[in-house]
Amino acid sequence: MHPWLIEDPFRVGTYGIMAFIGFMVAYALFIQELKRRRDFLNGMKPTVIADVTLMLAVFFGILGSKLAFMLFEAPEFSVEMLMWNAGLTWYGGWFLGCGAVVLWFRMRRLNVAMMADLLAPMLAQGYAFGRVGCQLAGDGDFGVPCVPENIDSAICMTYPQGLVPSPCYAGGVEYLVCPTDAIDPFWFPVHPTPIYESITGFMLFGLLWFLRKRIHLNGVLFAIYCLIAGVLRFLVEFIRMPEMRPERFLGLRDAQLIAIAQVLFGAIIIAVVATRHRSAKARP
């Protein structure tokens, strides 16, 4: 793994670089989409909307991710854990970042449903780039150990140089994180779940980008994103290492419960939009 792109004279993390690329791609595509829907921007410049939107998304997204990690996953609330290079919980960033952006949209009297549709593909590709960063950093988002005799072992890998190394044996004891003084540890091949999520994330982006000009009811594209992204996150949690992620209701983790809520939210949006569309068509 390569958690640091530069280490001297200061550290630049590969996760941060990939997150930056994801935001820049989102910024460029969002401006393009805003120009396409310029008639609905209430006279505001696309660049101004994009600047403020991504600024709010970055600040409150990172803040929400850190707060969610500290409150629900970290063993203790400490400055050391707060400043840890890893420790970003996606649903915290999703809720706080989206909440701040939606509030700003309403303050500027922009159509929230339409703006959510414009942002849906950007959310998918941003998540995918973030998972590329997780893969490069080896920050603990990897999956469970593979069984050597199973066919899936061919796609598994180790994370010996990551921020959170994959499990190892040292002195006959199995460790979740390999001790730095371990002698000749045996590194366990694990499922590279960040790669799985990156691939599916970019595929979801491609689907949403393809549908964006073919769906004309505001809110539906964002609902499709919620449905598919929620299902993907729910499923991948079954093969991810627990790594400070406790089980909650019915043995499910926080991320899976949030993913279920995300799917239900997408289904509710589609039901509401469909009902309103039928009512509009029925009017004389």
C-alpha atoms as a PDB file:
ATOM      1  CA  MET A   1       0.000   0.000   0.000  1.00  0.00           C
ATOM      2  CA  HIS A   2       0.986   3.625  -0.436  1.00  0.00           C
ATOM      3  CA  PRO A   3      -0.718   5.729   2.273  1.00  0.00           C
ATOM      4  CA  TRP A   4       1.588   8.705   1.625  1.00  0.00           C
ATOM      5  CA  LEU A   5       2.330  10.294  -1.721  1.00  0.00           C
ATOM      6  CA  ILE A   6       4.875  12.608  -0.053  1.00  0.00           C
ATOM      7  CA  GLU A   7       6.392  12.086   3.406  1.00  0.00           C
ATOM      8  CA  ASP A   8       9.164  14.721   3.565  1.00  0.00           C
ATOM      9  CA  PRO A   9       9.249  17.586   4.376  1.00  0.00           C
ATOM     10  CA  PHE A  10       5.495  17.135   5.069  1.00  0.00           C
ATOM     11  CA  ARG A  11       3.005  14.355   4.500  1.00  0.00           C
ATOM     12  CA  VAL A  12       0.527  14.297   1.647  1.00  0.00           C
ATOM     13  CA  GLY A  13      -1.812  11.308   1.854  1.00  0.00           C
ATOM     14  CA  THR A  14      -2.987   9.336  -1.164  1.00  0.00           C
ATOM     15  CA  TYR A  15      -6.522   9.288   0.260  1.00  0.00           C
ATOM     16  CA  GLY A  16      -6.562  13.080   0.328  1.00  0.00           C
ATOM     17  CA  ILE A  17      -5.276  13.235  -3.241  1.00  0.00           C
ATOM     18  CA  MET A  18      -7.998  10.882  -4.511  1.00  0.00           C
ATOM     19  CA  ALA A  19     -10.677  12.761  -2.572  1.00  0.00           C
ATOM     20  CA  PHE A  20      -9.411  16.013  -4.120  1.00  0.00           C
ATOM     21  CA  ILE A  21      -9.582  14.491  -7.617  1.00  0.00           C
ATOM     22  CA  GLY A  22     -13.126  13.307  -6.912  1.00  0.00           C
ATOM     23  CA  PHE A  23     -14.196  16.782  -5.812  1.00  0.00           C
ATOM     24  CA  MET A  24     -12.570  18.439  -8.820  1.00  0.00           C
ATOM     25  CA  VAL A  25     -14.273  16.041 -11.233  1.00  0.00           C
ATOM     26  CA  ALA A  26     -17.575  16.652  -9.442  1.00  0.00           C
ATOM     27  CA  TYR A  27     -17.007  20.416  -9.649  1.00  0.00           C
ATOM     28  CA  ALA A  28     -16.384  20.367 -13.404  1.00  0.00           C
ATOM     29  CA  LEU A  29     -19.331  18.091 -14.177  1.00  0.00           C
ATOM     30  CA  PHE A  30     -21.656  19.995 -11.837  1.00  0.00           C
ATOM     31  CA  ILE A  31     -20.909  23.278 -13.601  1.00  0.00           C
ATOM     32  CA  GLN A  32     -21.624  21.591 -16.927  1.00  0.00           C
ATOM     33  CA  GLU A  33     -24.987  20.350 -15.645  1.00  0.00           C
ATOM     34  CA  LEU A  34     -25.870  23.730 -14.138  1.00  0.00           C
ATOM     35  CA  LYS A  35     -25.248  25.400 -17.489  1.00  0.00           C
ATOM     36  CA  ARG A  36     -27.565  22.855 -19.091  1.00  0.00           C
ATOM     37  CA  ARG A  37     -30.334  23.826 -16.631  1.00  0.00           C
ATOM     38  CA  ARG A  38     -29.497  27.537 -16.551  1.00  0.00           C
ATOM     39  CA  ASP A  39     -33.162  28.558 -16.964  1.00  0.00           C
ATOM     40  CA  PHE A  40     -33.962  27.212 -13.470  1.00  0.00           C
ATOM     41  CA  LEU A  41     -31.138  28.938 -11.549  1.00  0.00           C
ATOM     42  CA  ASN A  42     -33.006  32.150 -10.702  1.00  0.00           C
ATOM     43  CA  GLY A  43     -30.357  34.247 -12.424  1.00  0.00           C
ATOM     44  CA  MET A  44     -27.472  32.845 -10.343  1.00  0.00           C
ATOM     45  CA  LYS A  45     -24.181  32.025 -12.057  1.00  0.00           C
ATOM     46  CA  PRO A  46     -23.388  28.295 -12.346  1.00  0.00           C
ATOM     47  CA  THR A  47     -19.862  28.859 -11.031  1.00  0.00           C
ATOM     48  CA  VAL A  48     -21.186  30.580  -7.896  1.00  0.00           C
ATOM     49  CA  ILE A  49     -23.615  27.734  -7.182  1.00  0.00           C
ATOM     50  CA  ALA A  50     -20.909  25.128  -7.764  1.00  0.00           C
ATOM     51  CA  ASP A  51     -18.368  26.977  -5.598  1.00  0.00           C
ATOM     52  CA  VAL A  52     -20.667  27.317  -2.597  1.00  0.00           C
ATOM     53  CA  THR A  53     -22.161  23.826  -2.973  1.00  0.00           C
ATOM     54  CA  LEU A  54     -18.833  22.019  -3.023  1.00  0.00           C
ATOM     55  CA  MET A  55     -17.387  24.235  -0.292  1.00  0.00           C
ATOM     56  CA  LEU A  56     -20.294  23.320   1.987  1.00  0.00           C
ATOM     57  CA  ALA A  57     -20.152  19.660   0.946  1.00  0.00           C
ATOM     58  CA  VAL A  58     -16.412  19.385   1.665  1.00  0.00           C
ATOM     59  CA  PHE A  59     -16.445  21.190   5.008  1.00  0.00           C
ATOM     60  CA  PHE A  60     -19.591  19.653   6.488  1.00  0.00           C
ATOM     61  CA  GLY A  61     -18.937  16.285   4.820  1.00  0.00           C
ATOM     62  CA  ILE A  62     -15.549  15.903   6.514  1.00  0.00           C
ATOM     63  CA  LEU A  63     -16.893  17.285   9.795  1.00  0.00           C
ATOM     64  CA  GLY A  64     -19.865  14.912   9.742  1.00  0.00           C
ATOM     65  CA  SER A  65     -17.677  11.920   8.843  1.00  0.00           C
ATOM     66  CA  LYS A  66     -15.325  12.605  11.747  1.00  0.00           C
ATOM     67  CA  LEU A  67     -18.131  13.225  14.235  1.00  0.00           C
ATOM     68  CA  ALA A  68     -19.949  10.021  13.243  1.00  0.00           C
ATOM     69  CA  PHE A  69     -16.735   8.026  13.631  1.00  0.00           C
ATOM     70  CA  MET A  70     -16.002   9.531  17.038  1.00  0.00           C
ATOM     71  CA  LEU A  71     -19.562   9.026  18.319  1.00  0.00           C
ATOM     72  CA  PHE A  72     -20.391   5.570  16.985  1.00  0.00           C
ATOM     73  CA  GLU A  73     -17.165   3.701  16.162  1.00  0.00           C
ATOM     74  CA  ALA A  74     -14.127   5.096  17.987  1.00  0.00           C
ATOM     75  CA  PRO A  75     -13.290   3.415  21.314  1.00  0.00           C
ATOM     76  CA  GLU A  76     -13.054   6.833  22.959  1.00  0.00           C
ATOM     77  CA  PHE A  77     -13.551  10.491  22.127  1.00  0.00           C
ATOM     78  CA  SER A  78     -10.011  11.865  22.055  1.00  0.00           C
ATOM     79  CA  VAL A  79      -7.961  14.466  20.223  1.00  0.00           C
ATOM     80  CA  GLU A  80      -5.657  11.709  18.994  1.00  0.00           C
ATOM     81  CA  MET A  81      -8.531   9.819  17.355  1.00  0.00           C
ATOM     82  CA  LEU A  82      -9.952  13.079  16.007  1.00  0.00           C
ATOM     83  CA  MET A  83      -6.655  13.841  14.244  1.00  0.00           C
ATOM     84  CA  TRP A  84      -6.201  10.263  12.982  1.00  0.00           C
ATOM     85  CA  ASN A  85      -5.614  10.033   9.227  1.00  0.00           C
ATOM     86  CA  ALA A  86      -8.296   7.378   8.930  1.00  0.00           C
ATOM     87  CA  GLY A  87     -11.604   7.399  10.784  1.00  0.00           C
ATOM     88  CA  LEU A  88     -14.080   8.918   8.326  1.00  0.00           C
ATOM     89  CA  THR A  89     -17.565   7.405   8.526  1.00  0.00           C
ATOM     90  CA  TRP A  90     -19.443   7.903   5.280  1.00  0.00           C
ATOM     91  CA  TYR A  91     -22.980   8.312   6.594  1.00  0.00           C
ATOM     92  CA  GLY A  92     -21.981  11.157   8.906  1.00  0.00           C
ATOM     93  CA  GLY A  93     -20.569  13.085   5.966  1.00  0.00           C
ATOM     94  CA  TRP A  94     -23.546  12.171   3.803  1.00  0.00           C
ATOM     95  CA  PHE A  95     -26.113  13.499   6.267  1.00  0.00           C
ATOM     96  CA  LEU A  96     -24.341  16.633   7.443  1.00  0.00           C
ATOM     97  CA  GLY A  97     -22.955  17.530   4.002  1.00  0.00           C
ATOM     98  CA  CYS A  98     -26.269  16.988   2.215  1.00  0.00           C
ATOM     99  CA  GLY A  99     -28.149  18.795   4.969  1.00  0.00           C
ATOM    100  CA  ALA A 100     -25.977  21.898   4.649  1.00  0.00           C
ATOM    101  CA  VAL A 101     -26.276  21.902   0.852  1.00  0.00           C
ATOM    102  CA  VAL A 102     -30.061  21.429   0.883  1.00  0.00           C
ATOM    103  CA  LEU A 103     -30.471  24.243   3.412  1.00  0.00           C
ATOM    104  CA  TRP A 104     -28.468  26.559   1.164  1.00  0.00           C
ATOM    105  CA  PHE A 105     -30.520  25.546  -1.893  1.00  0.00           C
ATOM    106  CA  ARG A 106     -33.734  26.419  -0.040  1.00  0.00           C
ATOM    107  CA  MET A 107     -32.308  29.740   1.117  1.00  0.00           C
ATOM    108  CA  ARG A 108     -31.509  30.623  -2.508  1.00  0.00           C
ATOM    109  CA  ARG A 109     -34.937  29.363  -3.660  1.00  0.00           C
ATOM    110  CA  LEU A 110     -33.479  26.747  -5.972  1.00  0.00           C
ATOM    111  CA  ASN A 111     -35.457  23.630  -6.871  1.00  0.00           C
ATOM    112  CA  VAL A 112     -34.055  21.142  -4.341  1.00  0.00           C
ATOM    113  CA  ALA A 113     -35.278  18.055  -6.222  1.00  0.00           C
ATOM    114  CA  MET A 114     -33.745  19.228  -9.503  1.00  0.00           C
ATOM    115  CA  MET A 115     -30.459  20.143  -7.800  1.00  0.00           C
ATOM    116  CA  ALA A 116     -30.361  16.745  -6.094  1.00  0.00           C
ATOM    117  CA  ASP A 117     -30.711  15.102  -9.512  1.00  0.00           C
ATOM    118  CA  LEU A 118     -27.818  17.159 -10.850  1.00  0.00           C
ATOM    119  CA  LEU A 119     -25.648  16.097  -7.910  1.00  0.00           C
ATOM    120  CA  ALA A 120     -26.579  12.402  -7.906  1.00  0.00           C
ATOM    121  CA  PRO A 121     -23.932  11.280 -10.457  1.00  0.00           C
ATOM    122  CA  MET A 122     -21.325  13.407  -8.652  1.00  0.00           C
ATOM    123  CA  LEU A 123     -22.073  11.660  -5.349  1.00  0.00           C
ATOM    124  CA  ALA A 124     -21.532   8.272  -6.986  1.00  0.00           C
ATOM    125  CA  GLN A 125     -18.212   9.128  -8.622  1.00  0.00           C
ATOM    126  CA  GLY A 126     -16.997  11.017  -5.537  1.00  0.00           C
ATOM    127  CA  TYR A 127     -17.593   7.930  -3.399  1.00  0.00           C
ATOM    128  CA  ALA A 128     -15.804   5.788  -5.981  1.00  0.00           C
ATOM    129  CA  PHE A 129     -12.726   8.040  -5.993  1.00  0.00           C
ATOM    130  CA  GLY A 130     -12.772   8.028  -2.200  1.00  0.00           C
ATOM    131  CA  ARG A 131     -12.659   4.231  -2.164  1.00  0.00           C
ATOM    132  CA  VAL A 132      -9.683   4.318  -4.527  1.00  0.00           C
ATOM    133  CA  GLY A 133      -8.042   6.455  -1.861  1.00  0.00           C
ATOM    134  CA  CYS A 134      -8.998   3.923   0.826  1.00  0.00           C
ATOM    135  CA  GLN A 135      -7.405   1.165  -1.240  1.00  0.00           C
ATOM    136  CA  LEU A 136      -4.165   3.091  -1.673  1.00  0.00           C
ATOM    137  CA  ALA A 137      -4.031   4.115   1.986  1.00  0.00           C
ATOM    138  CA  GLY A 138      -5.025   0.728   3.378  1.00  0.00           C
ATOM    139  CA  ASP A 139      -7.062   2.497   6.033  1.00  0.00           C
ATOM    140  CA  GLY A 140      -8.999  -0.503   7.313  1.00  0.00           C
ATOM    141  CA  ASP A 141     -11.894  -0.645   4.851  1.00  0.00           C
ATOM    142  CA  PHE A 142     -10.772  -4.004   3.516  1.00  0.00           C
ATOM    143  CA  GLY A 143     -12.817  -7.186   3.739  1.00  0.00           C
ATOM    144  CA  VAL A 144     -12.721 -10.398   5.692  1.00  0.00           C
ATOM    145  CA  PRO A 145      -9.866 -12.910   5.271  1.00  0.00           C
ATOM    146  CA  CYS A 146     -10.173 -15.277   2.335  1.00  0.00           C
ATOM    147  CA  VAL A 147     -10.242 -19.040   2.648  1.00  0.00           C
ATOM    148  CA  PRO A 148      -7.177 -20.305   0.720  1.00  0.00           C
ATOM    149  CA  GLU A 149      -8.952 -23.248  -0.893  1.00  0.00           C
ATOM    150  CA  ASN A 150     -11.883 -21.162  -2.135  1.00  0.00           C
ATOM    151  CA  ILE A 151     -11.973 -19.812  -5.666  1.00  0.00           C
ATOM    152  CA  ASP A 152     -12.322 -16.212  -4.414  1.00  0.00           C
ATOM    153  CA  SER A 153      -8.827 -16.312  -2.920  1.00  0.00           C
ATOM    154  CA  ALA A 154      -7.383 -15.442  -6.349  1.00  0.00           C
ATOM    155  CA  ILE A 155      -8.722 -11.886  -6.107  1.00  0.00           C
ATOM    156  CA  CYS A 156      -7.697 -11.303  -2.495  1.00  0.00           C
ATOM    157  CA  MET A 157      -4.663  -9.363  -1.309  1.00  0.00           C
ATOM    158  CA  THR A 158      -2.770  -8.137   1.741  1.00  0.00           C
ATOM    159  CA  TYR A 159      -2.313  -4.621   3.148  1.00  0.00           C
ATOM    160  CA  PRO A 160       1.042  -4.853   4.957  1.00  0.00           C
ATOM    161  CA  GLN A 161       2.027  -1.197   4.505  1.00  0.00           C
ATOM    162  CA  GLY A 162      -1.383   0.347   5.019  1.00  0.00           C
ATOM    163  CA  LEU A 163      -2.508   2.657   7.788  1.00  0.00           C
ATOM    164  CA  VAL A 164      -4.407  -0.349   9.160  1.00  0.00           C
ATOM    165  CA  PRO A 165      -2.595  -3.538   8.037  1.00  0.00           C
ATOM    166  CA  SER A 166      -4.534  -6.722   7.325  1.00  0.00           C
ATOM    167  CA  PRO A 167      -4.537  -9.460   9.999  1.00  0.00           C
ATOM    168  CA  CYS A 168      -1.406 -11.448  10.792  1.00  0.00           C
ATOM    169  CA  TYR A 169      -0.103 -14.274  12.901  1.00  0.00           C
ATOM    170  CA  ALA A 170       2.717 -13.436  15.298  1.00  0.00           C
ATOM    171  CA  GLY A 171       3.967 -15.895  17.878  1.00  0.00           C
ATOM    172  CA  GLY A 172       1.042 -18.207  17.195  1.00  0.00           C
ATOM    173  CA  VAL A 173      -1.487 -15.456  17.987  1.00  0.00           C
ATOM    174  CA  GLU A 174      -3.820 -13.933  15.417  1.00  0.00           C
ATOM    175  CA  TYR A 175      -3.896 -10.112  15.464  1.00  0.00           C
ATOM    176  CA  LEU A 176      -6.372  -7.813  13.749  1.00  0.00           C
ATOM    177  CA  VAL A 177      -3.601  -5.236  13.391  1.00  0.00           C
ATOM    178  CA  CYS A 178      -0.118  -6.711  13.110  1.00  0.00           C
ATOM    179  CA  PRO A 179       2.252  -5.569  15.907  1.00  0.00           C
ATOM    180  CA  THR A 180       5.183  -3.505  14.670  1.00  0.00           C
ATOM    181  CA  ASP A 181       7.625  -5.817  16.474  1.00  0.00           C
ATOM    182  CA  ALA A 182       6.142  -9.029  15.093  1.00  0.00           C
ATOM    183  CA  ILE A 183       8.746 -11.463  13.764  1.00  0.00           C
ATOM    184  CA  ASP A 184       8.032 -12.821  10.290  1.00  0.00           C
ATOM    185  CA  PRO A 185       4.265 -12.347  10.485  1.00  0.00           C
ATOM    186  CA  PHE A 186       2.020 -14.262   8.113  1.00  0.00           C
ATOM    187  CA  TRP A 187      -0.198 -11.721   6.401  1.00  0.00           C
ATOM    188  CA  PHE A 188      -3.767 -12.833   5.696  1.00  0.00           C
ATOM    189  CA  PRO A 189      -5.102 -12.206   2.171  1.00  0.00           C
ATOM    190  CA  VAL A 190      -8.394 -10.331   2.530  1.00  0.00           C
ATOM    191  CA  HIS A 191     -11.144  -9.199   0.182  1.00  0.00           C
ATOM    192  CA  PRO A 192     -10.201  -5.809  -1.351  1.00  0.00           C
ATOM    193  CA  THR A 193     -13.633  -4.316  -0.699  1.00  0.00           C
ATOM    194  CA  PRO A 194     -12.493  -0.763  -1.593  1.00  0.00           C
ATOM    195  CA  ILE A 195     -11.839  -2.063  -5.112  1.00  0.00           C
ATOM    196  CA  TYR A 196     -15.285  -3.659  -5.234  1.00  0.00           C
ATOM    197  CA  GLU A 197     -16.893  -0.391  -4.119  1.00  0.00           C
ATOM    198  CA  SER A 198     -14.841   1.697  -6.539  1.00  0.00           C
ATOM    199  CA  ILE A 199     -15.899  -0.442  -9.487  1.00  0.00           C
ATOM    200  CA  THR A 200     -19.585  -0.437  -8.545  1.00  0.00           C
ATOM    201  CA  GLY A 201     -19.403   3.281  -7.727  1.00  0.00           C
ATOM    202  CA  PHE A 202     -18.076   4.176 -11.168  1.00  0.00           C
ATOM    203  CA  MET A 203     -20.655   1.866 -12.753  1.00  0.00           C
ATOM    204  CA  LEU A 204     -23.414   3.644 -10.835  1.00  0.00           C
ATOM    205  CA  PHE A 205     -22.009   6.990 -11.987  1.00  0.00           C
ATOM    206  CA  GLY A 206     -22.115   5.768 -15.599  1.00  0.00           C
ATOM    207  CA  LEU A 207     -25.735   4.684 -15.231  1.00  0.00           C
ATOM    208  CA  LEU A 208     -26.833   7.965 -13.655  1.00  0.00           C
ATOM    209  CA  TRP A 209     -24.921  10.011 -16.217  1.00  0.00           C
ATOM    210  CA  PHE A 210     -26.647   8.043 -18.994  1.00  0.00           C
ATOM    211  CA  LEU A 211     -30.112   8.555 -17.462  1.00  0.00           C
ATOM    212  CA  ARG A 212     -29.754  12.228 -16.556  1.00  0.00           C
ATOM    213  CA  LYS A 213     -31.230  13.513 -19.867  1.00  0.00           C
ATOM    214  CA  ARG A 214     -33.772  10.698 -20.151  1.00  0.00           C
ATOM    215  CA  ILE A 215     -35.612  11.176 -16.855  1.00  0.00           C
ATOM    216  CA  HIS A 216     -37.654  14.374 -16.743  1.00  0.00           C
ATOM    217  CA  LEU A 217     -39.340  14.153 -13.334  1.00  0.00           C
ATOM    218  CA  ASN A 218     -37.354  16.021 -10.700  1.00  0.00           C
ATOM    219  CA  GLY A 219     -36.131  13.863  -7.845  1.00  0.00           C
ATOM    220  CA  VAL A 220     -36.253  10.493  -9.613  1.00  0.00           C
ATOM    221  CA  LEU A 221     -32.567  10.380 -10.563  1.00  0.00           C
ATOM    222  CA  PHE A 222     -31.543  11.114  -6.983  1.00  0.00           C
ATOM    223  CA  ALA A 223     -33.963   8.438  -5.795  1.00  0.00           C
ATOM    224  CA  ILE A 224     -32.337   5.909  -8.130  1.00  0.00           C
ATOM    225  CA  TYR A 225     -28.968   6.851  -6.662  1.00  0.00           C
ATOM    226  CA  CYS A 226     -30.285   6.319  -3.125  1.00  0.00           C
ATOM    227  CA  LEU A 227     -31.774   2.937  -4.003  1.00  0.00           C
ATOM    228  CA  ILE A 228     -28.725   1.487  -5.745  1.00  0.00           C
ATOM    229  CA  ALA A 229     -26.081   3.056  -3.485  1.00  0.00           C
ATOM    230  CA  GLY A 230     -27.964   1.861  -0.409  1.00  0.00           C
ATOM    231  CA  VAL A 231     -28.222  -1.715  -1.684  1.00  0.00           C
ATOM    232  CA  LEU A 232     -24.524  -1.779  -2.632  1.00  0.00           C
ATOM    233  CA  ARG A 233     -23.413  -0.503   0.765  1.00  0.00           C
ATOM    234  CA  PHE A 234     -25.725  -2.895   2.619  1.00  0.00           C
ATOM    235  CA  LEU A 235     -24.300  -5.904   0.765  1.00  0.00           C
ATOM    236  CA  VAL A 236     -20.611  -5.014   0.979  1.00  0.00           C
ATOM    237  CA  GLU A 237     -20.800  -4.768   4.774  1.00  0.00           C
ATOM    238  CA  PHE A 238     -21.292  -8.536   4.956  1.00  0.00           C
ATOM    239  CA  ILE A 239     -17.748  -9.129   3.716  1.00  0.00           C
ATOM    240  CA  ARG A 240     -16.002  -6.206   5.428  1.00  0.00           C
ATOM    241  CA  MET A 241     -13.877  -6.522   8.541  1.00  0.00           C
ATOM    242  CA  PRO A 242     -15.725  -5.212  11.626  1.00  0.00           C
ATOM    243  CA  GLU A 243     -12.732  -2.989  12.675  1.00  0.00           C
ATOM    244  CA  MET A 244     -14.430  -0.857  15.362  1.00  0.00           C
ATOM    245  CA  ARG A 245     -17.822  -1.126  13.617  1.00  0.00           C
ATOM    246  CA  PRO A 246     -20.182  -2.640  16.237  1.00  0.00           C
ATOM    247  CA  GLU A 247     -23.273  -4.665  15.433  1.00  0.00           C
ATOM    248  CA  ARG A 248     -26.607  -3.091  16.334  1.00  0.00           C
ATOM    249  CA  PHE A 249     -30.170  -4.176  15.593  1.00  0.00           C
ATOM    250  CA  LEU A 250     -30.549  -7.776  14.276  1.00  0.00           C
ATOM    251  CA  GLY A 251     -26.771  -8.104  14.032  1.00  0.00           C
ATOM    252  CA  LEU A 252     -26.542  -5.311  11.458  1.00  0.00           C
ATOM    253  CA  ARG A 253     -23.956  -2.532  11.610  1.00  0.00           C
ATOM    254  CA  ASP A 254     -24.691   1.181  11.628  1.00  0.00           C
ATOM    255  CA  ALA A 255     -23.754   1.478   7.954  1.00  0.00           C
ATOM    256  CA  GLN A 256     -26.265  -1.239   7.013  1.00  0.00           C
ATOM    257  CA  LEU A 257     -29.070   0.368   8.998  1.00  0.00           C
ATOM    258  CA  ILE A 258     -28.331   3.714   7.340  1.00  0.00           C
ATOM    259  CA  ALA A 259     -28.221   1.960   3.951  1.00  0.00           C
ATOM    260  CA  ILE A 260     -31.695   0.511   4.589  1.00  0.00           C
ATOM    261  CA  ALA A 261     -32.954   3.994   5.470  1.00  0.00           C
ATOM    262  CA  GLN A 262     -31.337   5.314   2.279  1.00  0.00           C
ATOM    263  CA  VAL A 263     -33.158   2.705   0.189  1.00  0.00           C
ATOM    264  CA  LEU A 264     -36.469   3.502   1.877  1.00  0.00           C
ATOM    265  CA  PHE A 265     -35.873   7.208   1.318  1.00  0.00           C
ATOM    266  CA  GLY A 266     -35.315   6.590  -2.397  1.00  0.00           C
ATOM    267  CA  ALA A 267     -38.479   4.482  -2.608  1.00  0.00           C
ATOM    268  CA  ILE A 268     -40.509   7.201  -0.840  1.00  0.00           C
ATOM    269  CA  ILE A 269     -39.226   9.848  -3.267  1.00  0.00           C
ATOM    270  CA  ILE A 270     -40.276   7.755  -6.264  1.00  0.00           C
ATOM    271  CA  ALA A 271     -43.706   7.089  -4.722  1.00  0.00           C
ATOM    272  CA  VAL A 272     -44.275  10.801  -3.993  1.00  0.00           C
ATOM    273  CA  VAL A 273     -43.106  11.910  -7.445  1.00  0.00           C
ATOM    274  CA  ALA A 274     -45.258   9.254  -9.157  1.00  0.00           C
ATOM    275  CA  THR A 275     -48.333  10.258  -7.130  1.00  0.00           C
ATOM    276  CA  ARG A 276     -47.885  13.938  -7.931  1.00  0.00           C
ATOM    277  CA  HIS A 277     -47.332  13.147 -11.615  1.00  0.00           C
ATOM    278  CA  ARG A 278     -50.525  11.106 -11.807  1.00  0.00           C
ATOM    279  CA  SER A 279     -52.470  13.844 -10.024  1.00  0.00           C
ATOM    280  CA  ALA A 280     -51.148  16.462 -12.426  1.00  0.00           C
ATOM    281  CA  LYS A 281     -52.157  14.388 -15.450  1.00  0.00           C
ATOM    282  CA  ALA A 282     -55.632  13.795 -14.022  1.00  0.00           C
ATOM    283  CA  ARG A 283     -56.375  17.509 -13.685  1.00  0.00           C
ATOM    284  CA  PRO A 284     -58.675  18.899 -16.458  1.00  0.00           C
END
